[in-house]
Amino acid sequence: MQDLIRQMLVQLGEDPDREGLRKTPERVDESLRFLTNGYQRDLQKEINGAVFESDNREMVLVKNIDFYSMCEHHMLPFFGRAHVAYLPKGKILGLSKLARVVDVFSRRLQVQENLTTQIGTCLQELLQPEGVAVVMKAQHLCMMMRGVEKQNSETVTSEMIGAFRDQASTRMEFLSLIRD
């Protein structure tokens, strides 16, 4: 990848041999591999057996999970906060694992709409709860730095599965709990 980055610098009109850019191909290579490490992460290893039996049937919510991702259209960052909830049906997940699920899927080239759905689907398949809800709020540098250049725009996406889709009272409880 470093050769490609070097070629890109040349195409941009830069001298990849100048002092400030000599190590840029190496740094960009390392940076991109880190920012997209979700491709290499094994979800089962991330969960690490932290699924437990439980009689709890009340909502479990972890909100304000910071996430960082890369727009697959422009390869520019988008970042924000995820709010993830589920209604247990015999199984609960270690709380930190909800954040790990968000990280695994966000550390890929993505669009926010698909990212939100992937997190919800993963939790539904893993826990088979009564329902799952995911709301993600993000700022997209592809909208802020280029194109329409709208610095204060925020994109909000949601995925409602099961009881969160079918029961208005459950959905409203969730939405009221994540309200800033």
C-alpha atoms as a PDB file:
ATOM      1  CA  MET A   1       0.000   0.000   0.000  1.00  0.00           C
ATOM      2  CA  GLN A   2       2.916   2.362   0.653  1.00  0.00           C
ATOM      3  CA  ASP A   3       3.848   2.392  -3.038  1.00  0.00           C
ATOM      4  CA  LEU A   4       0.277   3.376  -3.915  1.00  0.00           C
ATOM      5  CA  ILE A   5       0.317   6.179  -1.361  1.00  0.00           C
ATOM      6  CA  ARG A   6       3.628   7.410  -2.742  1.00  0.00           C
ATOM      7  CA  GLN A   7       2.115   7.393  -6.257  1.00  0.00           C
ATOM      8  CA  MET A   8      -0.926   9.261  -4.958  1.00  0.00           C
ATOM      9  CA  LEU A   9       1.322  11.989  -3.517  1.00  0.00           C
ATOM     10  CA  VAL A  10       2.970  12.376  -6.908  1.00  0.00           C
ATOM     11  CA  GLN A  11      -0.446  12.563  -8.622  1.00  0.00           C
ATOM     12  CA  LEU A  12      -1.448  15.303  -6.183  1.00  0.00           C
ATOM     13  CA  GLY A  13       1.589  17.307  -7.300  1.00  0.00           C
ATOM     14  CA  GLU A  14       3.689  16.622  -4.221  1.00  0.00           C
ATOM     15  CA  ASP A  15       7.265  15.448  -3.833  1.00  0.00           C
ATOM     16  CA  PRO A  16       7.154  12.283  -1.701  1.00  0.00           C
ATOM     17  CA  ASP A  17      10.884  12.697  -1.040  1.00  0.00           C
ATOM     18  CA  ARG A  18      10.615  16.063   0.677  1.00  0.00           C
ATOM     19  CA  GLU A  19      11.316  15.992   4.407  1.00  0.00           C
ATOM     20  CA  GLY A  20       7.739  16.301   5.640  1.00  0.00           C
ATOM     21  CA  LEU A  21       6.454  13.549   3.337  1.00  0.00           C
ATOM     22  CA  ARG A  22       9.246  10.941   3.434  1.00  0.00           C
ATOM     23  CA  LYS A  23       7.500   8.783   6.030  1.00  0.00           C
ATOM     24  CA  THR A  24       3.956   9.679   4.986  1.00  0.00           C
ATOM     25  CA  PRO A  25       3.354   6.487   2.957  1.00  0.00           C
ATOM     26  CA  GLU A  26       4.295   4.407   6.002  1.00  0.00           C
ATOM     27  CA  ARG A  27       2.175   6.518   8.361  1.00  0.00           C
ATOM     28  CA  VAL A  28      -0.879   6.501   6.055  1.00  0.00           C
ATOM     29  CA  ASP A  29      -0.558   2.745   5.563  1.00  0.00           C
ATOM     30  CA  GLU A  30      -0.486   2.201   9.330  1.00  0.00           C
ATOM     31  CA  SER A  31      -3.329   4.658   9.883  1.00  0.00           C
ATOM     32  CA  LEU A  32      -5.640   3.104   7.269  1.00  0.00           C
ATOM     33  CA  ARG A  33      -4.990  -0.393   8.597  1.00  0.00           C
ATOM     34  CA  PHE A  34      -5.936   0.783  12.095  1.00  0.00           C
ATOM     35  CA  LEU A  35      -9.011   2.702  10.938  1.00  0.00           C
ATOM     36  CA  THR A  36     -10.299  -0.343   9.031  1.00  0.00           C
ATOM     37  CA  ASN A  37      -9.262  -3.083  11.460  1.00  0.00           C
ATOM     38  CA  GLY A  38     -12.869  -4.261  11.692  1.00  0.00           C
ATOM     39  CA  TYR A  39     -12.176  -6.482   8.695  1.00  0.00           C
ATOM     40  CA  GLN A  40      -9.603  -8.450  10.684  1.00  0.00           C
ATOM     41  CA  ARG A  41     -11.447  -8.611  14.004  1.00  0.00           C
ATOM     42  CA  ASP A  42     -13.301 -11.787  14.898  1.00  0.00           C
ATOM     43  CA  LEU A  43     -16.646 -10.933  16.472  1.00  0.00           C
ATOM     44  CA  GLN A  44     -16.725 -14.158  18.506  1.00  0.00           C
ATOM     45  CA  LYS A  45     -13.313 -13.331  19.994  1.00  0.00           C
ATOM     46  CA  GLU A  46     -14.505  -9.808  20.778  1.00  0.00           C
ATOM     47  CA  ILE A  47     -17.579 -11.192  22.576  1.00  0.00           C
ATOM     48  CA  ASN A  48     -15.309 -13.699  24.354  1.00  0.00           C
ATOM     49  CA  GLY A  49     -18.140 -15.824  25.753  1.00  0.00           C
ATOM     50  CA  ALA A  50     -19.746 -12.882  27.576  1.00  0.00           C
ATOM     51  CA  VAL A  51     -23.303 -14.063  26.853  1.00  0.00           C
ATOM     52  CA  PHE A  52     -24.993 -15.015  30.130  1.00  0.00           C
ATOM     53  CA  GLU A  53     -28.313 -16.546  31.097  1.00  0.00           C
ATOM     54  CA  SER A  54     -30.623 -14.112  32.856  1.00  0.00           C
ATOM     55  CA  ASP A  55     -34.250 -13.747  33.902  1.00  0.00           C
ATOM     56  CA  ASN A  56     -34.062  -9.990  33.296  1.00  0.00           C
ATOM     57  CA  ARG A  57     -36.712  -8.856  30.823  1.00  0.00           C
ATOM     58  CA  GLU A  58     -36.207  -5.100  31.167  1.00  0.00           C
ATOM     59  CA  MET A  59     -34.434  -2.921  28.634  1.00  0.00           C
ATOM     60  CA  VAL A  60     -30.650  -2.909  28.614  1.00  0.00           C
ATOM     61  CA  LEU A  61     -29.286   0.307  27.111  1.00  0.00           C
ATOM     62  CA  VAL A  62     -25.766   1.566  26.593  1.00  0.00           C
ATOM     63  CA  LYS A  63     -25.837   5.061  25.193  1.00  0.00           C
ATOM     64  CA  ASN A  64     -23.261   7.535  23.966  1.00  0.00           C
ATOM     65  CA  ILE A  65     -20.869   4.918  22.603  1.00  0.00           C
ATOM     66  CA  ASP A  66     -18.309   6.930  20.665  1.00  0.00           C
ATOM     67  CA  PHE A  67     -17.531   5.516  17.234  1.00  0.00           C
ATOM     68  CA  TYR A  68     -15.324   6.379  14.279  1.00  0.00           C
ATOM     69  CA  SER A  69     -15.755   5.084  10.772  1.00  0.00           C
ATOM     70  CA  MET A  70     -14.720   5.817   7.186  1.00  0.00           C
ATOM     71  CA  CYS A  71     -17.172   6.733   4.444  1.00  0.00           C
ATOM     72  CA  GLU A  72     -16.906   4.111   1.719  1.00  0.00           C
ATOM     73  CA  HIS A  73     -17.734   6.690  -0.935  1.00  0.00           C
ATOM     74  CA  HIS A  74     -14.999   9.248  -0.171  1.00  0.00           C
ATOM     75  CA  MET A  75     -12.775   7.485   2.373  1.00  0.00           C
ATOM     76  CA  LEU A  76     -13.237  10.389   4.753  1.00  0.00           C
ATOM     77  CA  PRO A  77     -14.108   9.919   8.423  1.00  0.00           C
ATOM     78  CA  PHE A  78     -17.525  10.055   9.983  1.00  0.00           C
ATOM     79  CA  PHE A  79     -17.910   9.881  13.719  1.00  0.00           C
ATOM     80  CA  GLY A  80     -20.444  10.231  16.459  1.00  0.00           C
ATOM     81  CA  ARG A  81     -22.303   8.312  19.105  1.00  0.00           C
ATOM     82  CA  ALA A  82     -24.297   5.115  19.086  1.00  0.00           C
ATOM     83  CA  HIS A  83     -27.143   4.226  21.433  1.00  0.00           C
ATOM     84  CA  VAL A  84     -27.774   0.482  21.611  1.00  0.00           C
ATOM     85  CA  ALA A  85     -30.542  -1.295  23.514  1.00  0.00           C
ATOM     86  CA  TYR A  86     -32.149  -4.716  23.674  1.00  0.00           C
ATOM     87  CA  LEU A  87     -34.935  -6.450  25.576  1.00  0.00           C
ATOM     88  CA  PRO A  88     -33.490  -9.700  26.969  1.00  0.00           C
ATOM     89  CA  LYS A  89     -35.225 -13.009  26.520  1.00  0.00           C
ATOM     90  CA  GLY A  90     -33.118 -15.400  28.589  1.00  0.00           C
ATOM     91  CA  LYS A  91     -29.701 -13.989  27.631  1.00  0.00           C
ATOM     92  CA  ILE A  92     -27.741 -10.840  28.377  1.00  0.00           C
ATOM     93  CA  LEU A  93     -24.443  -9.602  26.990  1.00  0.00           C
ATOM     94  CA  GLY A  94     -21.558  -8.080  28.933  1.00  0.00           C
ATOM     95  CA  LEU A  95     -22.040  -4.323  28.686  1.00  0.00           C
ATOM     96  CA  SER A  96     -18.613  -3.591  27.213  1.00  0.00           C
ATOM     97  CA  LYS A  97     -19.354  -6.068  24.444  1.00  0.00           C
ATOM     98  CA  LEU A  98     -22.052  -3.765  23.069  1.00  0.00           C
ATOM     99  CA  ALA A  99     -19.344  -1.162  22.510  1.00  0.00           C
ATOM    100  CA  ARG A 100     -17.091  -3.805  20.951  1.00  0.00           C
ATOM    101  CA  VAL A 101     -19.828  -4.775  18.475  1.00  0.00           C
ATOM    102  CA  VAL A 102     -20.129  -1.107  17.482  1.00  0.00           C
ATOM    103  CA  ASP A 103     -16.343  -0.910  17.035  1.00  0.00           C
ATOM    104  CA  VAL A 104     -16.034  -4.050  14.916  1.00  0.00           C
ATOM    105  CA  PHE A 105     -18.583  -2.844  12.378  1.00  0.00           C
ATOM    106  CA  SER A 106     -17.590   0.837  12.443  1.00  0.00           C
ATOM    107  CA  ARG A 107     -13.917   0.110  11.752  1.00  0.00           C
ATOM    108  CA  ARG A 108     -14.653  -0.726   8.106  1.00  0.00           C
ATOM    109  CA  LEU A 109     -15.374   1.304   5.023  1.00  0.00           C
ATOM    110  CA  GLN A 110     -19.046   2.015   5.630  1.00  0.00           C
ATOM    111  CA  VAL A 111     -22.149   4.052   5.148  1.00  0.00           C
ATOM    112  CA  GLN A 112     -23.948   4.952   8.350  1.00  0.00           C
ATOM    113  CA  GLU A 113     -27.227   3.428   7.194  1.00  0.00           C
ATOM    114  CA  ASN A 114     -25.665  -0.027   6.778  1.00  0.00           C
ATOM    115  CA  LEU A 115     -23.573   0.295   9.938  1.00  0.00           C
ATOM    116  CA  THR A 116     -26.706   0.867  12.022  1.00  0.00           C
ATOM    117  CA  THR A 117     -28.423  -2.174  10.512  1.00  0.00           C
ATOM    118  CA  GLN A 118     -25.354  -4.407  10.910  1.00  0.00           C
ATOM    119  CA  ILE A 119     -25.130  -3.674  14.641  1.00  0.00           C
ATOM    120  CA  GLY A 120     -28.838  -4.359  15.185  1.00  0.00           C
ATOM    121  CA  THR A 121     -28.828  -7.561  13.126  1.00  0.00           C
ATOM    122  CA  CYS A 122     -25.725  -8.850  14.899  1.00  0.00           C
ATOM    123  CA  LEU A 123     -27.266  -8.381  18.347  1.00  0.00           C
ATOM    124  CA  GLN A 124     -30.567  -9.902  17.251  1.00  0.00           C
ATOM    125  CA  GLU A 125     -28.792 -13.004  15.921  1.00  0.00           C
ATOM    126  CA  LEU A 126     -26.449 -13.270  18.910  1.00  0.00           C
ATOM    127  CA  LEU A 127     -28.982 -12.844  21.740  1.00  0.00           C
ATOM    128  CA  GLN A 128     -32.365 -13.544  20.123  1.00  0.00           C
ATOM    129  CA  PRO A 129     -33.957 -10.940  22.397  1.00  0.00           C
ATOM    130  CA  GLU A 130     -37.490  -9.563  22.273  1.00  0.00           C
ATOM    131  CA  GLY A 131     -36.061  -6.662  20.322  1.00  0.00           C
ATOM    132  CA  VAL A 132     -33.063  -4.484  19.498  1.00  0.00           C
ATOM    133  CA  ALA A 133     -32.789  -0.742  18.957  1.00  0.00           C
ATOM    134  CA  VAL A 134     -29.844   1.180  17.550  1.00  0.00           C
ATOM    135  CA  VAL A 135     -29.693   4.914  16.962  1.00  0.00           C
ATOM    136  CA  MET A 136     -26.548   6.485  15.566  1.00  0.00           C
ATOM    137  CA  LYS A 137     -25.842  10.206  15.317  1.00  0.00           C
ATOM    138  CA  ALA A 138     -22.817  11.252  13.294  1.00  0.00           C
ATOM    139  CA  GLN A 139     -20.997  14.034  11.548  1.00  0.00           C
ATOM    140  CA  HIS A 140     -19.577  13.221   8.114  1.00  0.00           C
ATOM    141  CA  LEU A 141     -16.442  14.964   6.924  1.00  0.00           C
ATOM    142  CA  CYS A 142     -17.481  14.191   3.337  1.00  0.00           C
ATOM    143  CA  MET A 143     -20.394  16.607   3.918  1.00  0.00           C
ATOM    144  CA  MET A 144     -18.427  19.070   6.024  1.00  0.00           C
ATOM    145  CA  MET A 145     -15.116  19.452   4.155  1.00  0.00           C
ATOM    146  CA  ARG A 146     -16.219  18.959   0.551  1.00  0.00           C
ATOM    147  CA  GLY A 147     -19.395  18.824  -1.499  1.00  0.00           C
ATOM    148  CA  VAL A 148     -22.128  20.790   0.254  1.00  0.00           C
ATOM    149  CA  GLU A 149     -19.759  21.929   3.057  1.00  0.00           C
ATOM    150  CA  LYS A 150     -22.374  21.922   5.819  1.00  0.00           C
ATOM    151  CA  GLN A 151     -20.359  21.965   9.051  1.00  0.00           C
ATOM    152  CA  ASN A 152     -23.295  21.686  11.438  1.00  0.00           C
ATOM    153  CA  SER A 153     -25.089  18.814   9.757  1.00  0.00           C
ATOM    154  CA  GLU A 154     -25.759  15.653  11.739  1.00  0.00           C
ATOM    155  CA  THR A 155     -26.983  12.379  10.304  1.00  0.00           C
ATOM    156  CA  VAL A 156     -29.264  10.211  12.448  1.00  0.00           C
ATOM    157  CA  THR A 157     -30.056   6.601  11.561  1.00  0.00           C
ATOM    158  CA  SER A 158     -32.031   3.983  13.430  1.00  0.00           C
ATOM    159  CA  GLU A 159     -32.700   0.278  13.377  1.00  0.00           C
ATOM    160  CA  MET A 160     -35.688  -1.040  15.324  1.00  0.00           C
ATOM    161  CA  ILE A 161     -36.202  -4.793  15.543  1.00  0.00           C
ATOM    162  CA  GLY A 162     -38.937  -6.812  17.263  1.00  0.00           C
ATOM    163  CA  ALA A 163     -40.584  -5.105  20.229  1.00  0.00           C
ATOM    164  CA  PHE A 164     -38.884  -1.792  19.432  1.00  0.00           C
ATOM    165  CA  ARG A 165     -40.564  -1.812  16.018  1.00  0.00           C
ATOM    166  CA  ASP A 166     -43.878  -3.406  17.010  1.00  0.00           C
ATOM    167  CA  GLN A 167     -44.599  -1.776  20.383  1.00  0.00           C
ATOM    168  CA  ALA A 168     -44.893   1.992  20.376  1.00  0.00           C
ATOM    169  CA  SER A 169     -44.487   2.198  24.165  1.00  0.00           C
ATOM    170  CA  THR A 170     -41.170   0.296  24.061  1.00  0.00           C
ATOM    171  CA  ARG A 171     -39.883   2.422  21.204  1.00  0.00           C
ATOM    172  CA  MET A 172     -40.945   5.617  23.014  1.00  0.00           C
ATOM    173  CA  GLU A 173     -39.256   4.514  26.261  1.00  0.00           C
ATOM    174  CA  PHE A 174     -36.016   3.912  24.357  1.00  0.00           C
ATOM    175  CA  LEU A 175     -36.209   7.229  22.521  1.00  0.00           C
ATOM    176  CA  SER A 176     -36.930   9.130  25.729  1.00  0.00           C
ATOM    177  CA  LEU A 177     -33.936   7.507  27.458  1.00  0.00           C
ATOM    178  CA  ILE A 178     -31.500   8.536  24.704  1.00  0.00           C
ATOM    179  CA  ARG A 179     -32.780  12.087  24.413  1.00  0.00           C
ATOM    180  CA  ASP A 180     -29.914  14.486  25.122  1.00  0.00           C
END
